[in-house]
Amino acid sequence: MLHHYVFIKYQPDTPAEHIQAFCQKMLALPASIAEIQQLEIGHDVLHDERSWDLMLIMQFESIAALRSYQQHTEHQAAAQFNSPQVANVGSLDFWGRGKIA
């Protein structure tokens, strides 16, 4: 399974309502984008200087499935909605190998 992590740092004045609306848009995507195998969203709880504000954790069957998701019009719309409030974004993609006991 391909793991796709996205880290988002918002502008300091970003309204909580905007972040909530973005999360709702993202959580709705699996219903219309079949390539998304799993989607989880996490909000920062420590609020340290080096913390990110929001993290998206997604899983895909393949790189082709990830690319298809990234080009999907509904994903593009969610990203465009969010981008004016984003100060920084990062991502990490890796192949999972199962759980480590």
PDB file of N, CA and C in Angstrom:
ATOM      1  N   MET A   1       0.849  -1.179   0.000  1.00  0.00           N
ATOM      2  CA  MET A   1       0.000   0.000   0.000  1.00  0.00           C
ATOM      3  C   MET A   1       0.893   1.240   0.000  1.00  0.00           C
ATOM      4  N   LEU A   2       0.559   2.202  -0.824  1.00  0.00           N
ATOM      5  CA  LEU A   2       1.296   3.459  -0.891  1.00  0.00           C
ATOM      6  C   LEU A   2       0.688   4.433   0.114  1.00  0.00           C
ATOM      7  N   HIS A   3       1.512   4.928   1.020  1.00  0.00           N
ATOM      8  CA  HIS A   3       1.078   5.891   2.032  1.00  0.00           C
ATOM      9  C   HIS A   3       1.421   7.295   1.531  1.00  0.00           C
ATOM     10  N   HIS A   4       0.458   8.187   1.624  1.00  0.00           N
ATOM     11  CA  HIS A   4       0.607   9.575   1.163  1.00  0.00           C
ATOM     12  C   HIS A   4       0.272  10.480   2.344  1.00  0.00           C
ATOM     13  N   TYR A   5       1.285  11.152   2.885  1.00  0.00           N
ATOM     14  CA  TYR A   5       1.098  12.065   4.009  1.00  0.00           C
ATOM     15  C   TYR A   5       1.256  13.493   3.499  1.00  0.00           C
ATOM     16  N   VAL A   6       0.345  14.361   3.902  1.00  0.00           N
ATOM     17  CA  VAL A   6       0.419  15.780   3.546  1.00  0.00           C
ATOM     18  C   VAL A   6       0.371  16.589   4.839  1.00  0.00           C
ATOM     19  N   PHE A   7       1.354  17.469   5.010  1.00  0.00           N
ATOM     20  CA  PHE A   7       1.462  18.320   6.190  1.00  0.00           C
ATOM     21  C   PHE A   7       1.111  19.746   5.778  1.00  0.00           C
ATOM     22  N   ILE A   8       0.235  20.396   6.534  1.00  0.00           N
ATOM     23  CA  ILE A   8      -0.206  21.747   6.178  1.00  0.00           C
ATOM     24  C   ILE A   8       0.022  22.699   7.347  1.00  0.00           C
ATOM     25  N   LYS A   9       0.640  23.839   7.039  1.00  0.00           N
ATOM     26  CA  LYS A   9       0.813  24.938   7.990  1.00  0.00           C
ATOM     27  C   LYS A   9      -0.008  26.105   7.452  1.00  0.00           C
ATOM     28  N   TYR A  10      -0.953  26.587   8.249  1.00  0.00           N
ATOM     29  CA  TYR A  10      -1.838  27.669   7.815  1.00  0.00           C
ATOM     30  C   TYR A  10      -1.272  29.035   8.163  1.00  0.00           C
ATOM     31  N   GLN A  11      -1.760  30.063   7.461  1.00  0.00           N
ATOM     32  CA  GLN A  11      -1.457  31.444   7.812  1.00  0.00           C
ATOM     33  C   GLN A  11      -1.978  31.680   9.233  1.00  0.00           C
ATOM     34  N   PRO A  12      -1.308  32.529  10.024  1.00  0.00           N
ATOM     35  CA  PRO A  12      -1.722  32.732  11.419  1.00  0.00           C
ATOM     36  C   PRO A  12      -3.167  33.191  11.604  1.00  0.00           C
ATOM     37  N   ASP A  13      -3.712  33.916  10.650  1.00  0.00           N
ATOM     38  CA  ASP A  13      -5.072  34.453  10.798  1.00  0.00           C
ATOM     39  C   ASP A  13      -6.149  33.577  10.139  1.00  0.00           C
ATOM     40  N   THR A  14      -5.823  32.339   9.825  1.00  0.00           N
ATOM     41  CA  THR A  14      -6.795  31.457   9.169  1.00  0.00           C
ATOM     42  C   THR A  14      -7.941  31.132  10.122  1.00  0.00           C
ATOM     43  N   PRO A  15      -9.175  31.407   9.724  1.00  0.00           N
ATOM     44  CA  PRO A  15     -10.319  31.095  10.590  1.00  0.00           C
ATOM     45  C   PRO A  15     -10.486  29.583  10.770  1.00  0.00           C
ATOM     46  N   ALA A  16     -10.862  29.187  11.964  1.00  0.00           N
ATOM     47  CA  ALA A  16     -11.121  27.767  12.243  1.00  0.00           C
ATOM     48  C   ALA A  16     -12.201  27.224  11.316  1.00  0.00           C
ATOM     49  N   GLU A  17     -13.136  28.077  10.927  1.00  0.00           N
ATOM     50  CA  GLU A  17     -14.219  27.653  10.028  1.00  0.00           C
ATOM     51  C   GLU A  17     -13.682  27.248   8.654  1.00  0.00           C
ATOM     52  N   HIS A  18     -12.633  27.919   8.214  1.00  0.00           N
ATOM     53  CA  HIS A  18     -12.030  27.555   6.931  1.00  0.00           C
ATOM     54  C   HIS A  18     -11.408  26.164   7.016  1.00  0.00           C
ATOM     55  N   ILE A  19     -10.667  25.924   8.079  1.00  0.00           N
ATOM     56  CA  ILE A  19     -10.012  24.624   8.243  1.00  0.00           C
ATOM     57  C   ILE A  19     -11.055  23.520   8.335  1.00  0.00           C
ATOM     58  N   GLN A  20     -12.123  23.765   9.071  1.00  0.00           N
ATOM     59  CA  GLN A  20     -13.200  22.779   9.190  1.00  0.00           C
ATOM     60  C   GLN A  20     -13.847  22.514   7.832  1.00  0.00           C
ATOM     61  N   ALA A  21     -14.080  23.556   7.058  1.00  0.00           N
ATOM     62  CA  ALA A  21     -14.686  23.393   5.731  1.00  0.00           C
ATOM     63  C   ALA A  21     -13.769  22.589   4.813  1.00  0.00           C
ATOM     64  N   PHE A  22     -12.468  22.857   4.885  1.00  0.00           N
ATOM     65  CA  PHE A  22     -11.520  22.090   4.077  1.00  0.00           C
ATOM     66  C   PHE A  22     -11.536  20.618   4.480  1.00  0.00           C
ATOM     67  N   CYS A  23     -11.542  20.363   5.774  1.00  0.00           N
ATOM     68  CA  CYS A  23     -11.584  18.973   6.250  1.00  0.00           C
ATOM     69  C   CYS A  23     -12.837  18.265   5.755  1.00  0.00           C
ATOM     70  N   GLN A  24     -13.958  18.937   5.778  1.00  0.00           N
ATOM     71  CA  GLN A  24     -15.201  18.333   5.284  1.00  0.00           C
ATOM     72  C   GLN A  24     -15.104  18.021   3.789  1.00  0.00           C
ATOM     73  N   LYS A  25     -14.508  18.927   3.027  1.00  0.00           N
ATOM     74  CA  LYS A  25     -14.319  18.680   1.596  1.00  0.00           C
ATOM     75  C   LYS A  25     -13.435  17.456   1.378  1.00  0.00           C
ATOM     76  N   MET A  26     -12.372  17.350   2.155  1.00  0.00           N
ATOM     77  CA  MET A  26     -11.464  16.210   2.001  1.00  0.00           C
ATOM     78  C   MET A  26     -12.139  14.906   2.407  1.00  0.00           C
ATOM     79  N   LEU A  27     -12.863  14.930   3.517  1.00  0.00           N
ATOM     80  CA  LEU A  27     -13.525  13.709   3.990  1.00  0.00           C
ATOM     81  C   LEU A  27     -14.608  13.229   3.028  1.00  0.00           C
ATOM     82  N   ALA A  28     -15.112  14.112   2.184  1.00  0.00           N
ATOM     83  CA  ALA A  28     -16.125  13.727   1.197  1.00  0.00           C
ATOM     84  C   ALA A  28     -15.507  13.080  -0.046  1.00  0.00           C
ATOM     85  N   LEU A  29     -14.214  13.249  -0.257  1.00  0.00           N
ATOM     86  CA  LEU A  29     -13.586  12.771  -1.488  1.00  0.00           C
ATOM     87  C   LEU A  29     -13.659  11.263  -1.721  1.00  0.00           C
ATOM     88  N   PRO A  30     -13.486  10.415  -0.707  1.00  0.00           N
ATOM     89  CA  PRO A  30     -13.534   8.974  -0.989  1.00  0.00           C
ATOM     90  C   PRO A  30     -14.840   8.504  -1.623  1.00  0.00           C
ATOM     91  N   ALA A  31     -15.922   9.218  -1.413  1.00  0.00           N
ATOM     92  CA  ALA A  31     -17.202   8.836  -2.016  1.00  0.00           C
ATOM     93  C   ALA A  31     -17.195   9.015  -3.532  1.00  0.00           C
ATOM     94  N   SER A  32     -16.339   9.905  -4.041  1.00  0.00           N
ATOM     95  CA  SER A  32     -16.317  10.157  -5.480  1.00  0.00           C
ATOM     96  C   SER A  32     -14.986   9.825  -6.152  1.00  0.00           C
ATOM     97  N   ILE A  33     -13.961   9.520  -5.362  1.00  0.00           N
ATOM     98  CA  ILE A  33     -12.657   9.165  -5.932  1.00  0.00           C
ATOM     99  C   ILE A  33     -12.307   7.763  -5.436  1.00  0.00           C
ATOM    100  N   ALA A  34     -12.546   6.786  -6.278  1.00  0.00           N
ATOM    101  CA  ALA A  34     -12.394   5.378  -5.891  1.00  0.00           C
ATOM    102  C   ALA A  34     -10.956   4.999  -5.558  1.00  0.00           C
ATOM    103  N   GLU A  35      -9.987   5.743  -6.059  1.00  0.00           N
ATOM    104  CA  GLU A  35      -8.583   5.408  -5.812  1.00  0.00           C
ATOM    105  C   GLU A  35      -8.183   5.565  -4.348  1.00  0.00           C
ATOM    106  N   ILE A  36      -8.911   6.369  -3.594  1.00  0.00           N
ATOM    107  CA  ILE A  36      -8.590   6.575  -2.176  1.00  0.00           C
ATOM    108  C   ILE A  36      -9.006   5.329  -1.399  1.00  0.00           C
ATOM    109  N   GLN A  37      -8.029   4.624  -0.855  1.00  0.00           N
ATOM    110  CA  GLN A  37      -8.301   3.431  -0.068  1.00  0.00           C
ATOM    111  C   GLN A  37      -8.603   3.771   1.389  1.00  0.00           C
ATOM    112  N   GLN A  38      -7.933   4.816   1.877  1.00  0.00           N
ATOM    113  CA  GLN A  38      -8.131   5.238   3.264  1.00  0.00           C
ATOM    114  C   GLN A  38      -7.768   6.710   3.375  1.00  0.00           C
ATOM    115  N   LEU A  39      -8.492   7.421   4.237  1.00  0.00           N
ATOM    116  CA  LEU A  39      -8.227   8.842   4.474  1.00  0.00           C
ATOM    117  C   LEU A  39      -8.439   9.139   5.947  1.00  0.00           C
ATOM    118  N   GLU A  40      -7.448   9.778   6.544  1.00  0.00           N
ATOM    119  CA  GLU A  40      -7.539  10.200   7.941  1.00  0.00           C
ATOM    120  C   GLU A  40      -6.990  11.618   8.026  1.00  0.00           C
ATOM    121  N   ILE A  41      -7.590  12.427   8.878  1.00  0.00           N
ATOM    122  CA  ILE A  41      -7.144  13.804   9.069  1.00  0.00           C
ATOM    123  C   ILE A  41      -6.830  14.008  10.542  1.00  0.00           C
ATOM    124  N   GLY A  42      -5.674  14.611  10.817  1.00  0.00           N
ATOM    125  CA  GLY A  42      -5.284  14.890  12.196  1.00  0.00           C
ATOM    126  C   GLY A  42      -4.952  16.355  12.383  1.00  0.00           C
ATOM    127  N   HIS A  43      -5.409  16.907  13.508  1.00  0.00           N
ATOM    128  CA  HIS A  43      -5.119  18.297  13.883  1.00  0.00           C
ATOM    129  C   HIS A  43      -4.032  18.301  14.953  1.00  0.00           C
ATOM    130  N   ASP A  44      -3.132  19.261  14.883  1.00  0.00           N
ATOM    131  CA  ASP A  44      -2.055  19.379  15.861  1.00  0.00           C
ATOM    132  C   ASP A  44      -2.616  19.627  17.263  1.00  0.00           C
ATOM    133  N   VAL A  45      -2.073  18.924  18.239  1.00  0.00           N
ATOM    134  CA  VAL A  45      -2.519  19.113  19.623  1.00  0.00           C
ATOM    135  C   VAL A  45      -1.446  19.773  20.493  1.00  0.00           C
ATOM    136  N   LEU A  46      -0.193  19.797  20.042  1.00  0.00           N
ATOM    137  CA  LEU A  46       0.876  20.374  20.857  1.00  0.00           C
ATOM    138  C   LEU A  46       1.105  21.857  20.579  1.00  0.00           C
ATOM    139  N   HIS A  47       0.894  22.282  19.349  1.00  0.00           N
ATOM    140  CA  HIS A  47       1.089  23.676  18.940  1.00  0.00           C
ATOM    141  C   HIS A  47       2.496  24.176  19.256  1.00  0.00           C
ATOM    142  N   ASP A  48       3.483  23.310  19.037  1.00  0.00           N
ATOM    143  CA  ASP A  48       4.881  23.706  19.177  1.00  0.00           C
ATOM    144  C   ASP A  48       5.304  24.536  17.970  1.00  0.00           C
ATOM    145  N   GLU A  49       6.423  25.220  18.098  1.00  0.00           N
ATOM    146  CA  GLU A  49       6.917  26.068  17.019  1.00  0.00           C
ATOM    147  C   GLU A  49       7.122  25.283  15.723  1.00  0.00           C
ATOM    148  N   ARG A  50       7.596  24.055  15.830  1.00  0.00           N
ATOM    149  CA  ARG A  50       7.875  23.273  14.628  1.00  0.00           C
ATOM    150  C   ARG A  50       6.712  22.390  14.180  1.00  0.00           C
ATOM    151  N   SER A  51       5.581  22.487  14.853  1.00  0.00           N
ATOM    152  CA  SER A  51       4.411  21.673  14.511  1.00  0.00           C
ATOM    153  C   SER A  51       3.742  22.158  13.231  1.00  0.00           C
ATOM    154  N   TRP A  52       3.145  21.223  12.525  1.00  0.00           N
ATOM    155  CA  TRP A  52       2.255  21.525  11.413  1.00  0.00           C
ATOM    156  C   TRP A  52       0.851  21.622  11.989  1.00  0.00           C
ATOM    157  N   ASP A  53      -0.055  22.309  11.312  1.00  0.00           N
ATOM    158  CA  ASP A  53      -1.417  22.482  11.822  1.00  0.00           C
ATOM    159  C   ASP A  53      -2.328  21.302  11.513  1.00  0.00           C
ATOM    160  N   LEU A  54      -2.135  20.698  10.354  1.00  0.00           N
ATOM    161  CA  LEU A  54      -3.049  19.660   9.886  1.00  0.00           C
ATOM    162  C   LEU A  54      -2.254  18.612   9.120  1.00  0.00           C
ATOM    163  N   MET A  55      -2.687  17.369   9.234  1.00  0.00           N
ATOM    164  CA  MET A  55      -2.037  16.295   8.494  1.00  0.00           C
ATOM    165  C   MET A  55      -3.094  15.425   7.846  1.00  0.00           C
ATOM    166  N   LEU A  56      -2.907  15.143   6.573  1.00  0.00           N
ATOM    167  CA  LEU A  56      -3.756  14.211   5.839  1.00  0.00           C
ATOM    168  C   LEU A  56      -2.966  12.922   5.666  1.00  0.00           C
ATOM    169  N   ILE A  57      -3.567  11.814   6.008  1.00  0.00           N
ATOM    170  CA  ILE A  57      -2.943  10.504   5.842  1.00  0.00           C
ATOM    171  C   ILE A  57      -3.835   9.708   4.901  1.00  0.00           C
ATOM    172  N   MET A  58      -3.267   9.319   3.771  1.00  0.00           N
ATOM    173  CA  MET A  58      -4.057   8.617   2.764  1.00  0.00           C
ATOM    174  C   MET A  58      -3.313   7.369   2.307  1.00  0.00           C
ATOM    175  N   GLN A  59      -4.076   6.414   1.793  1.00  0.00           N
ATOM    176  CA  GLN A  59      -3.477   5.204   1.241  1.00  0.00           C
ATOM    177  C   GLN A  59      -4.043   4.941  -0.146  1.00  0.00           C
ATOM    178  N   PHE A  60      -3.141   4.479  -1.026  1.00  0.00           N
ATOM    179  CA  PHE A  60      -3.477   4.161  -2.406  1.00  0.00           C
ATOM    180  C   PHE A  60      -2.843   2.828  -2.776  1.00  0.00           C
ATOM    181  N   GLU A  61      -3.406   2.170  -3.769  1.00  0.00           N
ATOM    182  CA  GLU A  61      -2.879   0.882  -4.229  1.00  0.00           C
ATOM    183  C   GLU A  61      -1.594   1.033  -5.030  1.00  0.00           C
ATOM    184  N   SER A  62      -1.420   2.178  -5.686  1.00  0.00           N
ATOM    185  CA  SER A  62      -0.288   2.338  -6.593  1.00  0.00           C
ATOM    186  C   SER A  62       0.029   3.817  -6.784  1.00  0.00           C
ATOM    187  N   ILE A  63       1.180   4.064  -7.392  1.00  0.00           N
ATOM    188  CA  ILE A  63       1.534   5.439  -7.739  1.00  0.00           C
ATOM    189  C   ILE A  63       0.551   5.977  -8.777  1.00  0.00           C
ATOM    190  N   ALA A  64       0.133   5.123  -9.697  1.00  0.00           N
ATOM    191  CA  ALA A  64      -0.850   5.544 -10.707  1.00  0.00           C
ATOM    192  C   ALA A  64      -2.156   5.980 -10.045  1.00  0.00           C
ATOM    193  N   ALA A  65      -2.576   5.272  -9.004  1.00  0.00           N
ATOM    194  CA  ALA A  65      -3.804   5.643  -8.286  1.00  0.00           C
ATOM    195  C   ALA A  65      -3.631   6.989  -7.584  1.00  0.00           C
ATOM    196  N   LEU A  66      -2.461   7.217  -6.986  1.00  0.00           N
ATOM    197  CA  LEU A  66      -2.180   8.511  -6.350  1.00  0.00           C
ATOM    198  C   LEU A  66      -2.218   9.630  -7.385  1.00  0.00           C
ATOM    199  N   ARG A  67      -1.576   9.421  -8.519  1.00  0.00           N
ATOM    200  CA  ARG A  67      -1.558  10.442  -9.574  1.00  0.00           C
ATOM    201  C   ARG A  67      -2.969  10.732 -10.091  1.00  0.00           C
ATOM    202  N   SER A  68      -3.775   9.690 -10.220  1.00  0.00           N
ATOM    203  CA  SER A  68      -5.156   9.869 -10.665  1.00  0.00           C
ATOM    204  C   SER A  68      -5.936  10.722  -9.666  1.00  0.00           C
ATOM    205  N   TYR A  69      -5.760  10.442  -8.379  1.00  0.00           N
ATOM    206  CA  TYR A  69      -6.391  11.241  -7.319  1.00  0.00           C
ATOM    207  C   TYR A  69      -5.939  12.696  -7.406  1.00  0.00           C
ATOM    208  N   GLN A  70      -4.630  12.905  -7.562  1.00  0.00           N
ATOM    209  CA  GLN A  70      -4.097  14.265  -7.590  1.00  0.00           C
ATOM    210  C   GLN A  70      -4.647  15.079  -8.756  1.00  0.00           C
ATOM    211  N   GLN A  71      -4.983  14.424  -9.853  1.00  0.00           N
ATOM    212  CA  GLN A  71      -5.496  15.114 -11.037  1.00  0.00           C
ATOM    213  C   GLN A  71      -7.018  15.216 -11.054  1.00  0.00           C
ATOM    214  N   HIS A  72      -7.681  14.545 -10.126  1.00  0.00           N
ATOM    215  CA  HIS A  72      -9.144  14.532 -10.094  1.00  0.00           C
ATOM    216  C   HIS A  72      -9.671  15.945  -9.833  1.00  0.00           C
ATOM    217  N   THR A  73     -10.739  16.320 -10.524  1.00  0.00           N
ATOM    218  CA  THR A  73     -11.268  17.683 -10.403  1.00  0.00           C
ATOM    219  C   THR A  73     -11.735  18.019  -8.987  1.00  0.00           C
ATOM    220  N   GLU A  74     -12.265  17.050  -8.253  1.00  0.00           N
ATOM    221  CA  GLU A  74     -12.725  17.346  -6.886  1.00  0.00           C
ATOM    222  C   GLU A  74     -11.553  17.563  -5.936  1.00  0.00           C
ATOM    223  N   HIS A  75     -10.459  16.839  -6.139  1.00  0.00           N
ATOM    224  CA  HIS A  75      -9.258  17.092  -5.334  1.00  0.00           C
ATOM    225  C   HIS A  75      -8.698  18.468  -5.678  1.00  0.00           C
ATOM    226  N   GLN A  76      -8.648  18.787  -6.961  1.00  0.00           N
ATOM    227  CA  GLN A  76      -8.150  20.094  -7.389  1.00  0.00           C
ATOM    228  C   GLN A  76      -8.988  21.229  -6.799  1.00  0.00           C
ATOM    229  N   ALA A  77     -10.300  21.041  -6.743  1.00  0.00           N
ATOM    230  CA  ALA A  77     -11.186  22.065  -6.173  1.00  0.00           C
ATOM    231  C   ALA A  77     -10.922  22.254  -4.681  1.00  0.00           C
ATOM    232  N   ALA A  78     -10.726  21.163  -3.950  1.00  0.00           N
ATOM    233  CA  ALA A  78     -10.435  21.257  -2.515  1.00  0.00           C
ATOM    234  C   ALA A  78      -9.099  21.959  -2.292  1.00  0.00           C
ATOM    235  N   ALA A  79      -8.101  21.629  -3.102  1.00  0.00           N
ATOM    236  CA  ALA A  79      -6.786  22.259  -2.979  1.00  0.00           C
ATOM    237  C   ALA A  79      -6.864  23.754  -3.290  1.00  0.00           C
ATOM    238  N   GLN A  80      -7.612  24.124  -4.314  1.00  0.00           N
ATOM    239  CA  GLN A  80      -7.774  25.546  -4.657  1.00  0.00           C
ATOM    240  C   GLN A  80      -8.494  26.309  -3.556  1.00  0.00           C
ATOM    241  N   PHE A  81      -9.504  25.687  -2.957  1.00  0.00           N
ATOM    242  CA  PHE A  81     -10.221  26.305  -1.840  1.00  0.00           C
ATOM    243  C   PHE A  81      -9.260  26.592  -0.688  1.00  0.00           C
ATOM    244  N   ASN A  82      -8.373  25.650  -0.412  1.00  0.00           N
ATOM    245  CA  ASN A  82      -7.495  25.736   0.750  1.00  0.00           C
ATOM    246  C   ASN A  82      -6.272  26.630   0.526  1.00  0.00           C
ATOM    247  N   SER A  83      -5.759  26.675  -0.685  1.00  0.00           N
ATOM    248  CA  SER A  83      -4.453  27.285  -0.938  1.00  0.00           C
ATOM    249  C   SER A  83      -4.293  28.743  -0.499  1.00  0.00           C
ATOM    250  N   PRO A  84      -5.302  29.613  -0.573  1.00  0.00           N
ATOM    251  CA  PRO A  84      -5.073  30.991  -0.127  1.00  0.00           C
ATOM    252  C   PRO A  84      -4.726  31.108   1.359  1.00  0.00           C
ATOM    253  N   GLN A  85      -5.101  30.135   2.153  1.00  0.00           N
ATOM    254  CA  GLN A  85      -4.850  30.182   3.594  1.00  0.00           C
ATOM    255  C   GLN A  85      -3.585  29.422   4.007  1.00  0.00           C
ATOM    256  N   VAL A  86      -2.952  28.731   3.070  1.00  0.00           N
ATOM    257  CA  VAL A  86      -1.814  27.868   3.393  1.00  0.00           C
ATOM    258  C   VAL A  86      -0.509  28.662   3.373  1.00  0.00           C
ATOM    259  N   ALA A  87       0.252  28.559   4.461  1.00  0.00           N
ATOM    260  CA  ALA A  87       1.569  29.181   4.532  1.00  0.00           C
ATOM    261  C   ALA A  87       2.641  28.245   3.991  1.00  0.00           C
ATOM    262  N   ASN A  88       2.475  26.942   4.239  1.00  0.00           N
ATOM    263  CA  ASN A  88       3.459  25.960   3.800  1.00  0.00           C
ATOM    264  C   ASN A  88       2.797  24.599   3.733  1.00  0.00           C
ATOM    265  N   VAL A  89       3.274  23.783   2.823  1.00  0.00           N
ATOM    266  CA  VAL A  89       2.757  22.421   2.697  1.00  0.00           C
ATOM    267  C   VAL A  89       3.925  21.493   2.377  1.00  0.00           C
ATOM    268  N   GLY A  90       3.861  20.298   2.917  1.00  0.00           N
ATOM    269  CA  GLY A  90       4.870  19.286   2.636  1.00  0.00           C
ATOM    270  C   GLY A  90       4.192  17.943   2.463  1.00  0.00           C
ATOM    271  N   SER A  91       4.895  17.023   1.846  1.00  0.00           N
ATOM    272  CA  SER A  91       4.314  15.696   1.686  1.00  0.00           C
ATOM    273  C   SER A  91       5.399  14.636   1.763  1.00  0.00           C
ATOM    274  N   LEU A  92       4.959  13.419   2.036  1.00  0.00           N
ATOM    275  CA  LEU A  92       5.840  12.256   2.079  1.00  0.00           C
ATOM    276  C   LEU A  92       5.046  11.083   1.535  1.00  0.00           C
ATOM    277  N   ASP A  93       5.625  10.361   0.592  1.00  0.00           N
ATOM    278  CA  ASP A  93       4.993   9.185   0.006  1.00  0.00           C
ATOM    279  C   ASP A  93       5.942   8.010   0.182  1.00  0.00           C
ATOM    280  N   PHE A  94       5.413   6.896   0.686  1.00  0.00           N
ATOM    281  CA  PHE A  94       6.261   5.726   0.896  1.00  0.00           C
ATOM    282  C   PHE A  94       5.429   4.455   0.826  1.00  0.00           C
ATOM    283  N   TRP A  95       6.112   3.357   0.529  1.00  0.00           N
ATOM    284  CA  TRP A  95       5.461   2.051   0.494  1.00  0.00           C
ATOM    285  C   TRP A  95       5.433   1.470   1.892  1.00  0.00           C
ATOM    286  N   GLY A  96       4.244   1.154   2.401  1.00  0.00           N
ATOM    287  CA  GLY A  96       4.106   0.527   3.708  1.00  0.00           C
ATOM    288  C   GLY A  96       4.483  -0.942   3.632  1.00  0.00           C
ATOM    289  N   ARG A  97       5.004  -1.458   4.701  1.00  0.00           N
ATOM    290  CA  ARG A  97       5.417  -2.859   4.747  1.00  0.00           C
ATOM    291  C   ARG A  97       4.697  -3.623   5.841  1.00  0.00           C
ATOM    292  N   GLY A  98       3.581  -3.099   6.304  1.00  0.00           N
ATOM    293  CA  GLY A  98       2.863  -3.765   7.380  1.00  0.00           C
ATOM    294  C   GLY A  98       3.236  -3.191   8.727  1.00  0.00           C
ATOM    295  N   LYS A  99       2.606  -3.713   9.748  1.00  0.00           N
ATOM    296  CA  LYS A  99       2.827  -3.216  11.105  1.00  0.00           C
ATOM    297  C   LYS A  99       4.099  -3.806  11.694  1.00  0.00           C
ATOM    298  N   ILE A 100       4.772  -2.990  12.484  1.00  0.00           N
ATOM    299  CA  ILE A 100       5.949  -3.440  13.216  1.00  0.00           C
ATOM    300  C   ILE A 100       5.515  -3.699  14.645  1.00  0.00           C
ATOM    301  N   ALA A 101       5.754  -4.893  15.128  1.00  0.00           N
ATOM    302  CA  ALA A 101       5.325  -5.267  16.485  1.00  0.00           C
ATOM    303  C   ALA A 101       6.246  -4.684  17.521  1.00  0.00           C
TER     304      ALA A 101
END
